[in-house]
Amino acid sequence: MTKYEIFKEILLILYYIASIGLVVGVFIGIKQLKVMKSDVETKNKRAAVDKSIEFLNWFATEFIPENSEKEKKLDKDKIIIMENKELQYFNIKELAILGGFKPEKITSSVKEKYRCEIVTLTNQLEFFSAAMNTGLADEQMAFNPLASTFCKFVEDNYDLYCYLRNGNEETLFNNTIDLYLIWKSRLNAIELVRKKVEIEEQLSKVTVKSIPILGKE
Protein backbone atom coordinates (compact mmCIF):
# COMPACT_ATOMS: atom_id res chain seq x y z
CA MET A 1 0.00 0.00 0.00
CA THR A 2 1.44 3.36 -1.01
CA LYS A 3 1.77 6.34 1.30
CA TYR A 4 -1.05 8.02 -0.60
CA GLU A 5 -3.38 5.07 -0.04
CA ILE A 6 -2.45 4.93 3.66
CA PHE A 7 -3.05 8.67 3.98
CA LYS A 8 -6.42 8.26 2.19
CA GLU A 9 -7.45 5.45 4.56
CA ILE A 10 -6.53 7.56 7.56
CA LEU A 11 -8.59 10.46 6.20
CA LEU A 12 -11.60 8.15 5.67
CA ILE A 13 -11.30 6.82 9.21
CA LEU A 14 -11.09 10.36 10.59
CA TYR A 15 -14.08 11.35 8.45
CA TYR A 16 -16.21 8.50 9.83
CA ILE A 17 -15.14 9.30 13.39
CA ALA A 18 -16.01 12.96 12.85
CA SER A 19 -19.39 11.99 11.33
CA ILE A 20 -20.22 9.77 14.29
CA GLY A 21 -19.20 12.56 16.64
CA LEU A 22 -21.36 15.01 14.73
CA VAL A 23 -24.41 12.73 14.89
CA VAL A 24 -23.89 12.12 18.61
CA GLY A 25 -23.50 15.85 19.11
CA VAL A 26 -26.75 16.52 17.25
CA PHE A 27 -28.65 14.01 19.38
CA ILE A 28 -27.20 15.48 22.56
CA GLY A 29 -28.12 18.96 21.34
CA ILE A 30 -31.70 17.90 20.56
CA LYS A 31 -32.02 16.33 24.01
CA GLN A 32 -30.70 19.48 25.66
CA LEU A 33 -33.12 21.61 23.64
CA LYS A 34 -36.02 19.42 24.77
CA VAL A 35 -34.93 19.77 28.38
CA MET A 36 -34.59 23.54 27.95
CA LYS A 37 -38.02 23.71 26.28
CA SER A 38 -39.56 21.72 29.12
CA ASP A 39 -37.91 24.03 31.67
CA VAL A 40 -39.21 27.12 29.83
CA GLU A 41 -42.73 25.66 29.59
CA THR A 42 -42.67 24.80 33.29
CA LYS A 43 -41.50 28.30 34.21
CA ASN A 44 -44.11 29.89 31.92
CA LYS A 45 -46.85 27.70 33.39
CA ARG A 46 -45.78 28.59 36.92
CA ALA A 47 -45.69 32.29 36.01
CA ALA A 48 -49.17 32.06 34.44
CA VAL A 49 -50.55 30.33 37.54
CA ASP A 50 -48.97 32.96 39.79
CA LYS A 51 -50.51 35.73 37.66
CA SER A 52 -53.90 34.00 37.80
CA ILE A 53 -53.74 33.83 41.59
CA GLU A 54 -52.85 37.52 41.60
CA PHE A 55 -55.91 38.33 39.49
CA LEU A 56 -58.17 36.13 41.63
CA ASN A 57 -57.07 38.09 44.66
CA TRP A 58 -57.60 41.39 42.81
CA PHE A 59 -61.11 40.39 41.80
CA ALA A 60 -62.06 39.36 45.33
CA THR A 61 -60.48 42.21 47.26
CA GLU A 62 -60.72 45.14 44.84
CA PHE A 63 -62.86 44.75 41.74
CA ILE A 64 -65.98 43.17 43.28
CA PRO A 65 -66.13 45.48 46.34
CA GLU A 66 -65.51 48.57 44.18
CA ASN A 67 -68.14 47.51 41.66
CA SER A 68 -70.66 46.90 44.43
CA GLU A 69 -70.08 50.36 45.88
CA LYS A 70 -70.49 52.03 42.50
CA GLU A 71 -73.65 50.05 41.71
CA LYS A 72 -75.24 51.26 44.94
CA LYS A 73 -74.88 54.85 43.71
CA LEU A 74 -76.62 54.19 40.39
CA ASP A 75 -80.12 55.53 39.83
CA LYS A 76 -81.81 52.33 38.63
CA ASP A 77 -84.52 54.30 36.80
CA LYS A 78 -81.95 55.92 34.52
CA ILE A 79 -79.84 52.94 33.50
CA ILE A 80 -80.37 50.31 30.83
CA ILE A 81 -80.59 46.70 31.92
CA MET A 82 -79.94 44.02 29.30
CA GLU A 83 -81.35 40.67 30.42
CA ASN A 84 -81.38 37.37 28.56
CA LYS A 85 -79.94 38.89 25.40
CA GLU A 86 -77.37 37.26 23.14
CA LEU A 87 -74.65 39.90 22.86
CA GLN A 88 -72.13 39.72 20.04
CA TYR A 89 -71.07 42.93 18.29
CA PHE A 90 -71.14 45.52 21.08
CA ASN A 91 -72.16 48.50 18.99
CA ILE A 92 -74.96 51.05 19.01
CA LYS A 93 -76.77 49.35 16.14
CA GLU A 94 -76.95 46.03 17.98
CA LEU A 95 -78.05 47.84 21.16
CA ALA A 96 -80.91 49.50 19.27
CA ILE A 97 -82.00 46.20 17.69
CA LEU A 98 -81.85 44.13 20.88
CA GLY A 99 -83.33 46.68 23.25
CA GLY A 100 -85.21 49.12 21.07
CA PHE A 101 -83.92 51.98 23.22
CA LYS A 102 -84.25 55.58 22.09
CA PRO A 103 -81.06 57.68 21.85
CA GLU A 104 -82.01 59.78 24.87
CA LYS A 105 -82.40 56.65 27.02
CA ILE A 106 -78.97 55.41 26.00
CA THR A 107 -77.43 58.82 26.69
CA SER A 108 -79.12 59.01 30.09
CA SER A 109 -77.88 55.55 31.06
CA VAL A 110 -74.32 56.24 29.94
CA LYS A 111 -74.21 59.57 31.78
CA GLU A 112 -75.38 57.89 34.97
CA LYS A 113 -72.67 55.25 34.70
CA TYR A 114 -70.08 57.95 34.04
CA ARG A 115 -71.30 59.79 37.12
CA CYS A 116 -70.73 56.70 39.22
CA GLU A 117 -67.32 56.11 37.57
CA ILE A 118 -68.19 52.69 36.18
CA VAL A 119 -65.93 53.44 33.23
CA THR A 120 -62.86 53.13 35.48
CA LEU A 121 -63.79 49.49 36.03
CA THR A 122 -64.17 48.83 32.31
CA ASN A 123 -60.58 50.00 31.83
CA GLN A 124 -59.33 47.73 34.62
CA LEU A 125 -61.22 44.79 33.16
CA GLU A 126 -59.66 45.38 29.74
CA PHE A 127 -56.18 44.96 31.24
CA PHE A 128 -57.34 41.78 32.98
CA SER A 129 -58.80 40.47 29.70
CA ALA A 130 -55.61 41.20 27.78
CA ALA A 131 -53.64 39.14 30.31
CA MET A 132 -56.05 36.23 29.87
CA ASN A 133 -56.18 36.42 26.07
CA THR A 134 -52.40 36.53 25.64
CA GLY A 135 -51.69 33.65 28.02
CA LEU A 136 -49.93 35.87 30.54
CA ALA A 137 -52.35 34.38 33.06
CA ASP A 138 -53.98 30.94 33.02
CA GLU A 139 -57.44 31.63 31.55
CA GLN A 140 -58.81 28.16 32.35
CA MET A 141 -57.75 28.46 35.97
CA ALA A 142 -59.52 31.82 36.25
CA PHE A 143 -62.70 30.66 34.51
CA ASN A 144 -64.52 28.81 37.30
CA PRO A 145 -64.25 31.45 40.02
CA LEU A 146 -64.49 34.55 37.81
CA ALA A 147 -66.46 33.86 34.63
CA SER A 148 -69.96 34.49 35.98
CA THR A 149 -69.00 37.75 37.69
CA PHE A 150 -67.01 38.89 34.66
CA CYS A 151 -69.82 38.18 32.19
CA LYS A 152 -72.46 39.79 34.41
CA PHE A 153 -70.45 43.01 34.63
CA VAL A 154 -70.05 43.15 30.85
CA GLU A 155 -73.77 42.50 30.32
CA ASP A 156 -74.82 45.04 32.97
CA ASN A 157 -72.71 47.66 31.21
CA TYR A 158 -73.39 46.62 27.63
CA ASP A 159 -74.76 50.06 26.75
CA LEU A 160 -71.60 51.69 28.08
CA TYR A 161 -69.40 49.46 25.94
CA CYS A 162 -71.53 50.17 22.86
CA TYR A 163 -71.36 53.92 23.49
CA LEU A 164 -67.60 53.94 24.03
CA ARG A 165 -67.02 51.85 20.89
CA ASN A 166 -69.17 54.06 18.67
CA GLY A 167 -67.77 55.66 15.51
CA ASN A 168 -63.98 55.54 15.11
CA GLU A 169 -63.49 53.83 18.47
CA GLU A 170 -64.99 50.47 17.45
CA THR A 171 -61.83 48.57 18.42
CA LEU A 172 -61.92 49.69 22.04
CA PHE A 173 -62.26 46.93 24.65
CA ASN A 174 -61.68 44.18 22.08
CA ASN A 175 -59.90 42.06 24.69
CA THR A 176 -62.86 42.31 27.06
CA ILE A 177 -65.32 41.40 24.33
CA ASP A 178 -63.24 38.48 23.03
CA LEU A 179 -62.92 37.01 26.53
CA TYR A 180 -66.61 37.61 27.20
CA LEU A 181 -67.64 35.70 24.06
CA ILE A 182 -65.35 32.78 24.99
CA TRP A 183 -66.47 32.59 28.61
CA LYS A 184 -70.15 33.19 27.88
CA SER A 185 -70.16 30.41 25.31
CA ARG A 186 -68.52 28.07 27.82
CA LEU A 187 -70.99 29.05 30.55
CA ASN A 188 -73.89 28.39 28.16
CA ALA A 189 -72.46 24.98 27.29
CA ILE A 190 -72.14 24.09 30.99
CA GLU A 191 -75.74 25.19 31.57
CA LEU A 192 -76.98 23.09 28.65
CA VAL A 193 -75.17 20.03 29.99
CA ARG A 194 -76.71 20.65 33.41
CA LYS A 195 -80.18 20.88 31.90
CA LYS A 196 -79.56 17.76 29.82
CA VAL A 197 -78.62 15.78 32.93
CA GLU A 198 -81.65 17.16 34.76
CA ILE A 199 -84.00 16.20 31.91
CA GLU A 200 -82.50 12.72 31.67
CA GLU A 201 -83.04 12.24 35.41
CA GLN A 202 -86.66 13.36 35.07
CA LEU A 203 -87.23 11.05 32.10
CA SER A 204 -85.81 8.11 34.01
CA LYS A 205 -88.56 8.59 36.62
CA VAL A 206 -91.39 8.74 34.09
CA THR A 207 -93.47 5.59 33.67
CA VAL A 208 -94.73 5.26 30.12
CA LYS A 209 -97.95 3.32 29.77
CA SER A 210 -99.96 2.36 26.73
CA ILE A 211 -103.54 1.19 26.25
CA PRO A 212 -103.81 -2.06 24.28
CA ILE A 213 -106.12 -2.39 21.31
CA LEU A 214 -109.43 -4.04 22.14
CA GLY A 215 -109.16 -7.80 21.88
CA LYS A 216 -105.37 -7.81 21.94
CA GLU A 217 -103.64 -8.97 25.07
C-alpha atoms as a PDB file:
ATOM      1  CA  MET A   1       0.000   0.000   0.000  1.00  0.00           C
ATOM      2  CA  THR A   2       1.441   3.358  -1.014  1.00  0.00           C
ATOM      3  CA  LYS A   3       1.773   6.339   1.297  1.00  0.00           C
ATOM      4  CA  TYR A   4      -1.047   8.023  -0.601  1.00  0.00           C
ATOM      5  CA  GLU A   5      -3.378   5.072  -0.041  1.00  0.00           C
ATOM      6  CA  ILE A   6      -2.445   4.929   3.658  1.00  0.00           C
ATOM      7  CA  PHE A   7      -3.055   8.665   3.982  1.00  0.00           C
ATOM      8  CA  LYS A   8      -6.415   8.260   2.192  1.00  0.00           C
ATOM      9  CA  GLU A   9      -7.455   5.448   4.557  1.00  0.00           C
ATOM     10  CA  ILE A  10      -6.527   7.558   7.565  1.00  0.00           C
ATOM     11  CA  LEU A  11      -8.589  10.464   6.201  1.00  0.00           C
ATOM     12  CA  LEU A  12     -11.604   8.147   5.673  1.00  0.00           C
ATOM     13  CA  ILE A  13     -11.304   6.815   9.213  1.00  0.00           C
ATOM     14  CA  LEU A  14     -11.089  10.358  10.593  1.00  0.00           C
ATOM     15  CA  TYR A  15     -14.079  11.354   8.454  1.00  0.00           C
ATOM     16  CA  TYR A  16     -16.210   8.504   9.830  1.00  0.00           C
ATOM     17  CA  ILE A  17     -15.144   9.301  13.389  1.00  0.00           C
ATOM     18  CA  ALA A  18     -16.014  12.962  12.849  1.00  0.00           C
ATOM     19  CA  SER A  19     -19.391  11.988  11.333  1.00  0.00           C
ATOM     20  CA  ILE A  20     -20.223   9.774  14.289  1.00  0.00           C
ATOM     21  CA  GLY A  21     -19.205  12.556  16.643  1.00  0.00           C
ATOM     22  CA  LEU A  22     -21.358  15.009  14.735  1.00  0.00           C
ATOM     23  CA  VAL A  23     -24.406  12.727  14.886  1.00  0.00           C
ATOM     24  CA  VAL A  24     -23.894  12.116  18.608  1.00  0.00           C
ATOM     25  CA  GLY A  25     -23.497  15.849  19.110  1.00  0.00           C
ATOM     26  CA  VAL A  26     -26.746  16.524  17.252  1.00  0.00           C
ATOM     27  CA  PHE A  27     -28.652  14.011  19.383  1.00  0.00           C
ATOM     28  CA  ILE A  28     -27.203  15.476  22.559  1.00  0.00           C
ATOM     29  CA  GLY A  29     -28.116  18.958  21.336  1.00  0.00           C
ATOM     30  CA  ILE A  30     -31.702  17.896  20.561  1.00  0.00           C
ATOM     31  CA  LYS A  31     -32.019  16.326  24.006  1.00  0.00           C
ATOM     32  CA  GLN A  32     -30.696  19.480  25.662  1.00  0.00           C
ATOM     33  CA  LEU A  33     -33.123  21.608  23.640  1.00  0.00           C
ATOM     34  CA  LYS A  34     -36.017  19.416  24.766  1.00  0.00           C
ATOM     35  CA  VAL A  35     -34.926  19.774  28.378  1.00  0.00           C
ATOM     36  CA  MET A  36     -34.590  23.541  27.949  1.00  0.00           C
ATOM     37  CA  LYS A  37     -38.022  23.713  26.279  1.00  0.00           C
ATOM     38  CA  SER A  38     -39.557  21.721  29.123  1.00  0.00           C
ATOM     39  CA  ASP A  39     -37.907  24.035  31.666  1.00  0.00           C
ATOM     40  CA  VAL A  40     -39.208  27.116  29.826  1.00  0.00           C
ATOM     41  CA  GLU A  41     -42.728  25.662  29.593  1.00  0.00           C
ATOM     42  CA  THR A  42     -42.667  24.798  33.293  1.00  0.00           C
ATOM     43  CA  LYS A  43     -41.500  28.298  34.215  1.00  0.00           C
ATOM     44  CA  ASN A  44     -44.112  29.887  31.923  1.00  0.00           C
ATOM     45  CA  LYS A  45     -46.847  27.702  33.391  1.00  0.00           C
ATOM     46  CA  ARG A  46     -45.785  28.592  36.916  1.00  0.00           C
ATOM     47  CA  ALA A  47     -45.692  32.290  36.011  1.00  0.00           C
ATOM     48  CA  ALA A  48     -49.174  32.059  34.439  1.00  0.00           C
ATOM     49  CA  VAL A  49     -50.546  30.327  37.539  1.00  0.00           C
ATOM     50  CA  ASP A  50     -48.971  32.964  39.793  1.00  0.00           C
ATOM     51  CA  LYS A  51     -50.508  35.730  37.662  1.00  0.00           C
ATOM     52  CA  SER A  52     -53.903  33.997  37.799  1.00  0.00           C
ATOM     53  CA  ILE A  53     -53.736  33.833  41.587  1.00  0.00           C
ATOM     54  CA  GLU A  54     -52.845  37.516  41.603  1.00  0.00           C
ATOM     55  CA  PHE A  55     -55.911  38.328  39.494  1.00  0.00           C
ATOM     56  CA  LEU A  56     -58.166  36.131  41.629  1.00  0.00           C
ATOM     57  CA  ASN A  57     -57.067  38.091  44.661  1.00  0.00           C
ATOM     58  CA  TRP A  58     -57.600  41.392  42.809  1.00  0.00           C
ATOM     59  CA  PHE A  59     -61.111  40.391  41.797  1.00  0.00           C
ATOM     60  CA  ALA A  60     -62.060  39.356  45.326  1.00  0.00           C
ATOM     61  CA  THR A  61     -60.476  42.206  47.256  1.00  0.00           C
ATOM     62  CA  GLU A  62     -60.716  45.142  44.837  1.00  0.00           C
ATOM     63  CA  PHE A  63     -62.864  44.746  41.738  1.00  0.00           C
ATOM     64  CA  ILE A  64     -65.979  43.169  43.280  1.00  0.00           C
ATOM     65  CA  PRO A  65     -66.127  45.482  46.336  1.00  0.00           C
ATOM     66  CA  GLU A  66     -65.508  48.575  44.180  1.00  0.00           C
ATOM     67  CA  ASN A  67     -68.144  47.514  41.660  1.00  0.00           C
ATOM     68  CA  SER A  68     -70.662  46.898  44.435  1.00  0.00           C
ATOM     69  CA  GLU A  69     -70.080  50.362  45.875  1.00  0.00           C
ATOM     70  CA  LYS A  70     -70.492  52.026  42.497  1.00  0.00           C
ATOM     71  CA  GLU A  71     -73.654  50.050  41.710  1.00  0.00           C
ATOM     72  CA  LYS A  72     -75.243  51.257  44.940  1.00  0.00           C
ATOM     73  CA  LYS A  73     -74.878  54.854  43.711  1.00  0.00           C
ATOM     74  CA  LEU A  74     -76.622  54.195  40.393  1.00  0.00           C
ATOM     75  CA  ASP A  75     -80.121  55.531  39.827  1.00  0.00           C
ATOM     76  CA  LYS A  76     -81.806  52.332  38.631  1.00  0.00           C
ATOM     77  CA  ASP A  77     -84.519  54.296  36.802  1.00  0.00           C
ATOM     78  CA  LYS A  78     -81.946  55.915  34.523  1.00  0.00           C
ATOM     79  CA  ILE A  79     -79.838  52.944  33.505  1.00  0.00           C
ATOM     80  CA  ILE A  80     -80.372  50.309  30.826  1.00  0.00           C
ATOM     81  CA  ILE A  81     -80.590  46.698  31.922  1.00  0.00           C
ATOM     82  CA  MET A  82     -79.935  44.016  29.303  1.00  0.00           C
ATOM     83  CA  GLU A  83     -81.352  40.671  30.424  1.00  0.00           C
ATOM     84  CA  ASN A  84     -81.376  37.369  28.562  1.00  0.00           C
ATOM     85  CA  LYS A  85     -79.939  38.889  25.400  1.00  0.00           C
ATOM     86  CA  GLU A  86     -77.370  37.262  23.144  1.00  0.00           C
ATOM     87  CA  LEU A  87     -74.651  39.899  22.857  1.00  0.00           C
ATOM     88  CA  GLN A  88     -72.127  39.723  20.039  1.00  0.00           C
ATOM     89  CA  TYR A  89     -71.066  42.927  18.285  1.00  0.00           C
ATOM     90  CA  PHE A  90     -71.142  45.517  21.079  1.00  0.00           C
ATOM     91  CA  ASN A  91     -72.155  48.503  18.985  1.00  0.00           C
ATOM     92  CA  ILE A  92     -74.964  51.051  19.013  1.00  0.00           C
ATOM     93  CA  LYS A  93     -76.768  49.346  16.137  1.00  0.00           C
ATOM     94  CA  GLU A  94     -76.949  46.031  17.981  1.00  0.00           C
ATOM     95  CA  LEU A  95     -78.051  47.838  21.156  1.00  0.00           C
ATOM     96  CA  ALA A  96     -80.909  49.498  19.271  1.00  0.00           C
ATOM     97  CA  ILE A  97     -81.998  46.203  17.691  1.00  0.00           C
ATOM     98  CA  LEU A  98     -81.850  44.134  20.879  1.00  0.00           C
ATOM     99  CA  GLY A  99     -83.327  46.676  23.249  1.00  0.00           C
ATOM    100  CA  GLY A 100     -85.215  49.122  21.071  1.00  0.00           C
ATOM    101  CA  PHE A 101     -83.918  51.979  23.222  1.00  0.00           C
ATOM    102  CA  LYS A 102     -84.250  55.575  22.090  1.00  0.00           C
ATOM    103  CA  PRO A 103     -81.056  57.680  21.853  1.00  0.00           C
ATOM    104  CA  GLU A 104     -82.014  59.776  24.873  1.00  0.00           C
ATOM    105  CA  LYS A 105     -82.402  56.650  27.022  1.00  0.00           C
ATOM    106  CA  ILE A 106     -78.965  55.409  25.995  1.00  0.00           C
ATOM    107  CA  THR A 107     -77.429  58.823  26.693  1.00  0.00           C
ATOM    108  CA  SER A 108     -79.119  59.006  30.089  1.00  0.00           C
ATOM    109  CA  SER A 109     -77.881  55.553  31.063  1.00  0.00           C
ATOM    110  CA  VAL A 110     -74.315  56.243  29.942  1.00  0.00           C
ATOM    111  CA  LYS A 111     -74.213  59.573  31.785  1.00  0.00           C
ATOM    112  CA  GLU A 112     -75.381  57.892  34.973  1.00  0.00           C
ATOM    113  CA  LYS A 113     -72.668  55.252  34.705  1.00  0.00           C
ATOM    114  CA  TYR A 114     -70.077  57.946  34.044  1.00  0.00           C
ATOM    115  CA  ARG A 115     -71.296  59.793  37.119  1.00  0.00           C
ATOM    116  CA  CYS A 116     -70.725  56.699  39.223  1.00  0.00           C
ATOM    117  CA  GLU A 117     -67.320  56.113  37.565  1.00  0.00           C
ATOM    118  CA  ILE A 118     -68.194  52.687  36.185  1.00  0.00           C
ATOM    119  CA  VAL A 119     -65.927  53.445  33.229  1.00  0.00           C
ATOM    120  CA  THR A 120     -62.864  53.129  35.484  1.00  0.00           C
ATOM    121  CA  LEU A 121     -63.792  49.492  36.032  1.00  0.00           C
ATOM    122  CA  THR A 122     -64.166  48.825  32.308  1.00  0.00           C
ATOM    123  CA  ASN A 123     -60.581  49.998  31.831  1.00  0.00           C
ATOM    124  CA  GLN A 124     -59.326  47.730  34.620  1.00  0.00           C
ATOM    125  CA  LEU A 125     -61.216  44.787  33.161  1.00  0.00           C
ATOM    126  CA  GLU A 126     -59.659  45.379  29.736  1.00  0.00           C
ATOM    127  CA  PHE A 127     -56.183  44.965  31.240  1.00  0.00           C
ATOM    128  CA  PHE A 128     -57.339  41.781  32.976  1.00  0.00           C
ATOM    129  CA  SER A 129     -58.805  40.467  29.705  1.00  0.00           C
ATOM    130  CA  ALA A 130     -55.607  41.200  27.784  1.00  0.00           C
ATOM    131  CA  ALA A 131     -53.639  39.136  30.314  1.00  0.00           C
ATOM    132  CA  MET A 132     -56.050  36.234  29.868  1.00  0.00           C
ATOM    133  CA  ASN A 133     -56.179  36.421  26.066  1.00  0.00           C
ATOM    134  CA  THR A 134     -52.402  36.532  25.635  1.00  0.00           C
ATOM    135  CA  GLY A 135     -51.692  33.650  28.016  1.00  0.00           C
ATOM    136  CA  LEU A 136     -49.932  35.873  30.537  1.00  0.00           C
ATOM    137  CA  ALA A 137     -52.352  34.375  33.056  1.00  0.00           C
ATOM    138  CA  ASP A 138     -53.983  30.939  33.021  1.00  0.00           C
ATOM    139  CA  GLU A 139     -57.438  31.626  31.545  1.00  0.00           C
ATOM    140  CA  GLN A 140     -58.808  28.160  32.350  1.00  0.00           C
ATOM    141  CA  MET A 141     -57.746  28.463  35.965  1.00  0.00           C
ATOM    142  CA  ALA A 142     -59.523  31.821  36.255  1.00  0.00           C
ATOM    143  CA  PHE A 143     -62.703  30.660  34.513  1.00  0.00           C
ATOM    144  CA  ASN A 144     -64.521  28.808  37.305  1.00  0.00           C
ATOM    145  CA  PRO A 145     -64.253  31.448  40.022  1.00  0.00           C
ATOM    146  CA  LEU A 146     -64.488  34.548  37.809  1.00  0.00           C
ATOM    147  CA  ALA A 147     -66.461  33.857  34.625  1.00  0.00           C
ATOM    148  CA  SER A 148     -69.962  34.486  35.981  1.00  0.00           C
ATOM    149  CA  THR A 149     -69.001  37.751  37.686  1.00  0.00           C
ATOM    150  CA  PHE A 150     -67.012  38.892  34.660  1.00  0.00           C
ATOM    151  CA  CYS A 151     -69.822  38.185  32.189  1.00  0.00           C
ATOM    152  CA  LYS A 152     -72.459  39.787  34.413  1.00  0.00           C
ATOM    153  CA  PHE A 153     -70.450  43.006  34.631  1.00  0.00           C
ATOM    154  CA  VAL A 154     -70.054  43.152  30.851  1.00  0.00           C
ATOM    155  CA  GLU A 155     -73.770  42.499  30.322  1.00  0.00           C
ATOM    156  CA  ASP A 156     -74.816  45.039  32.972  1.00  0.00           C
ATOM    157  CA  ASN A 157     -72.714  47.662  31.212  1.00  0.00           C
ATOM    158  CA  TYR A 158     -73.386  46.620  27.634  1.00  0.00           C
ATOM    159  CA  ASP A 159     -74.764  50.056  26.755  1.00  0.00           C
ATOM    160  CA  LEU A 160     -71.598  51.688  28.076  1.00  0.00           C
ATOM    161  CA  TYR A 161     -69.398  49.456  25.942  1.00  0.00           C
ATOM    162  CA  CYS A 162     -71.530  50.171  22.865  1.00  0.00           C
ATOM    163  CA  TYR A 163     -71.362  53.915  23.489  1.00  0.00           C
ATOM    164  CA  LEU A 164     -67.598  53.944  24.026  1.00  0.00           C
ATOM    165  CA  ARG A 165     -67.018  51.854  20.889  1.00  0.00           C
ATOM    166  CA  ASN A 166     -69.173  54.056  18.666  1.00  0.00           C
ATOM    167  CA  GLY A 167     -67.766  55.659  15.511  1.00  0.00           C
ATOM    168  CA  ASN A 168     -63.984  55.540  15.108  1.00  0.00           C
ATOM    169  CA  GLU A 169     -63.488  53.830  18.469  1.00  0.00           C
ATOM    170  CA  GLU A 170     -64.987  50.472  17.449  1.00  0.00           C
ATOM    171  CA  THR A 171     -61.827  48.566  18.419  1.00  0.00           C
ATOM    172  CA  LEU A 172     -61.921  49.688  22.037  1.00  0.00           C
ATOM    173  CA  PHE A 173     -62.256  46.927  24.646  1.00  0.00           C
ATOM    174  CA  ASN A 174     -61.683  44.175  22.085  1.00  0.00           C
ATOM    175  CA  ASN A 175     -59.898  42.062  24.693  1.00  0.00           C
ATOM    176  CA  THR A 176     -62.857  42.307  27.059  1.00  0.00           C
ATOM    177  CA  ILE A 177     -65.322  41.402  24.326  1.00  0.00           C
ATOM    178  CA  ASP A 178     -63.245  38.480  23.030  1.00  0.00           C
ATOM    179  CA  LEU A 179     -62.915  37.015  26.526  1.00  0.00           C
ATOM    180  CA  TYR A 180     -66.608  37.612  27.198  1.00  0.00           C
ATOM    181  CA  LEU A 181     -67.639  35.702  24.064  1.00  0.00           C
ATOM    182  CA  ILE A 182     -65.350  32.783  24.985  1.00  0.00           C
ATOM    183  CA  TRP A 183     -66.468  32.585  28.605  1.00  0.00           C
ATOM    184  CA  LYS A 184     -70.148  33.194  27.876  1.00  0.00           C
ATOM    185  CA  SER A 185     -70.165  30.411  25.310  1.00  0.00           C
ATOM    186  CA  ARG A 186     -68.525  28.074  27.825  1.00  0.00           C
ATOM    187  CA  LEU A 187     -70.991  29.047  30.551  1.00  0.00           C
ATOM    188  CA  ASN A 188     -73.886  28.392  28.159  1.00  0.00           C
ATOM    189  CA  ALA A 189     -72.456  24.976  27.289  1.00  0.00           C
ATOM    190  CA  ILE A 190     -72.141  24.091  30.988  1.00  0.00           C
ATOM    191  CA  GLU A 191     -75.738  25.185  31.575  1.00  0.00           C
ATOM    192  CA  LEU A 192     -76.980  23.091  28.649  1.00  0.00           C
ATOM    193  CA  VAL A 193     -75.173  20.034  29.993  1.00  0.00           C
ATOM    194  CA  ARG A 194     -76.707  20.649  33.414  1.00  0.00           C
ATOM    195  CA  LYS A 195     -80.184  20.880  31.900  1.00  0.00           C
ATOM    196  CA  LYS A 196     -79.557  17.758  29.818  1.00  0.00           C
ATOM    197  CA  VAL A 197     -78.623  15.776  32.931  1.00  0.00           C
ATOM    198  CA  GLU A 198     -81.653  17.155  34.756  1.00  0.00           C
ATOM    199  CA  ILE A 199     -84.005  16.197  31.905  1.00  0.00           C
ATOM    200  CA  GLU A 200     -82.505  12.716  31.668  1.00  0.00           C
ATOM    201  CA  GLU A 201     -83.042  12.245  35.410  1.00  0.00           C
ATOM    202  CA  GLN A 202     -86.664  13.362  35.075  1.00  0.00           C
ATOM    203  CA  LEU A 203     -87.232  11.049  32.099  1.00  0.00           C
ATOM    204  CA  SER A 204     -85.809   8.106  34.014  1.00  0.00           C
ATOM    205  CA  LYS A 205     -88.562   8.586  36.620  1.00  0.00           C
ATOM    206  CA  VAL A 206     -91.391   8.745  34.086  1.00  0.00           C
ATOM    207  CA  THR A 207     -93.472   5.593  33.672  1.00  0.00           C
ATOM    208  CA  VAL A 208     -94.730   5.258  30.116  1.00  0.00           C
ATOM    209  CA  LYS A 209     -97.954   3.319  29.769  1.00  0.00           C
ATOM    210  CA  SER A 210     -99.961   2.358  26.729  1.00  0.00           C
ATOM    211  CA  ILE A 211    -103.545   1.189  26.250  1.00  0.00           C
ATOM    212  CA  PRO A 212    -103.813  -2.061  24.284  1.00  0.00           C
ATOM    213  CA  ILE A 213    -106.124  -2.392  21.311  1.00  0.00           C
ATOM    214  CA  LEU A 214    -109.434  -4.037  22.137  1.00  0.00           C
ATOM    215  CA  GLY A 215    -109.156  -7.802  21.879  1.00  0.00           C
ATOM    216  CA  LYS A 216    -105.373  -7.806  21.941  1.00  0.00           C
ATOM    217  CA  GLU A 217    -103.641  -8.971  25.066  1.00  0.00           C
END
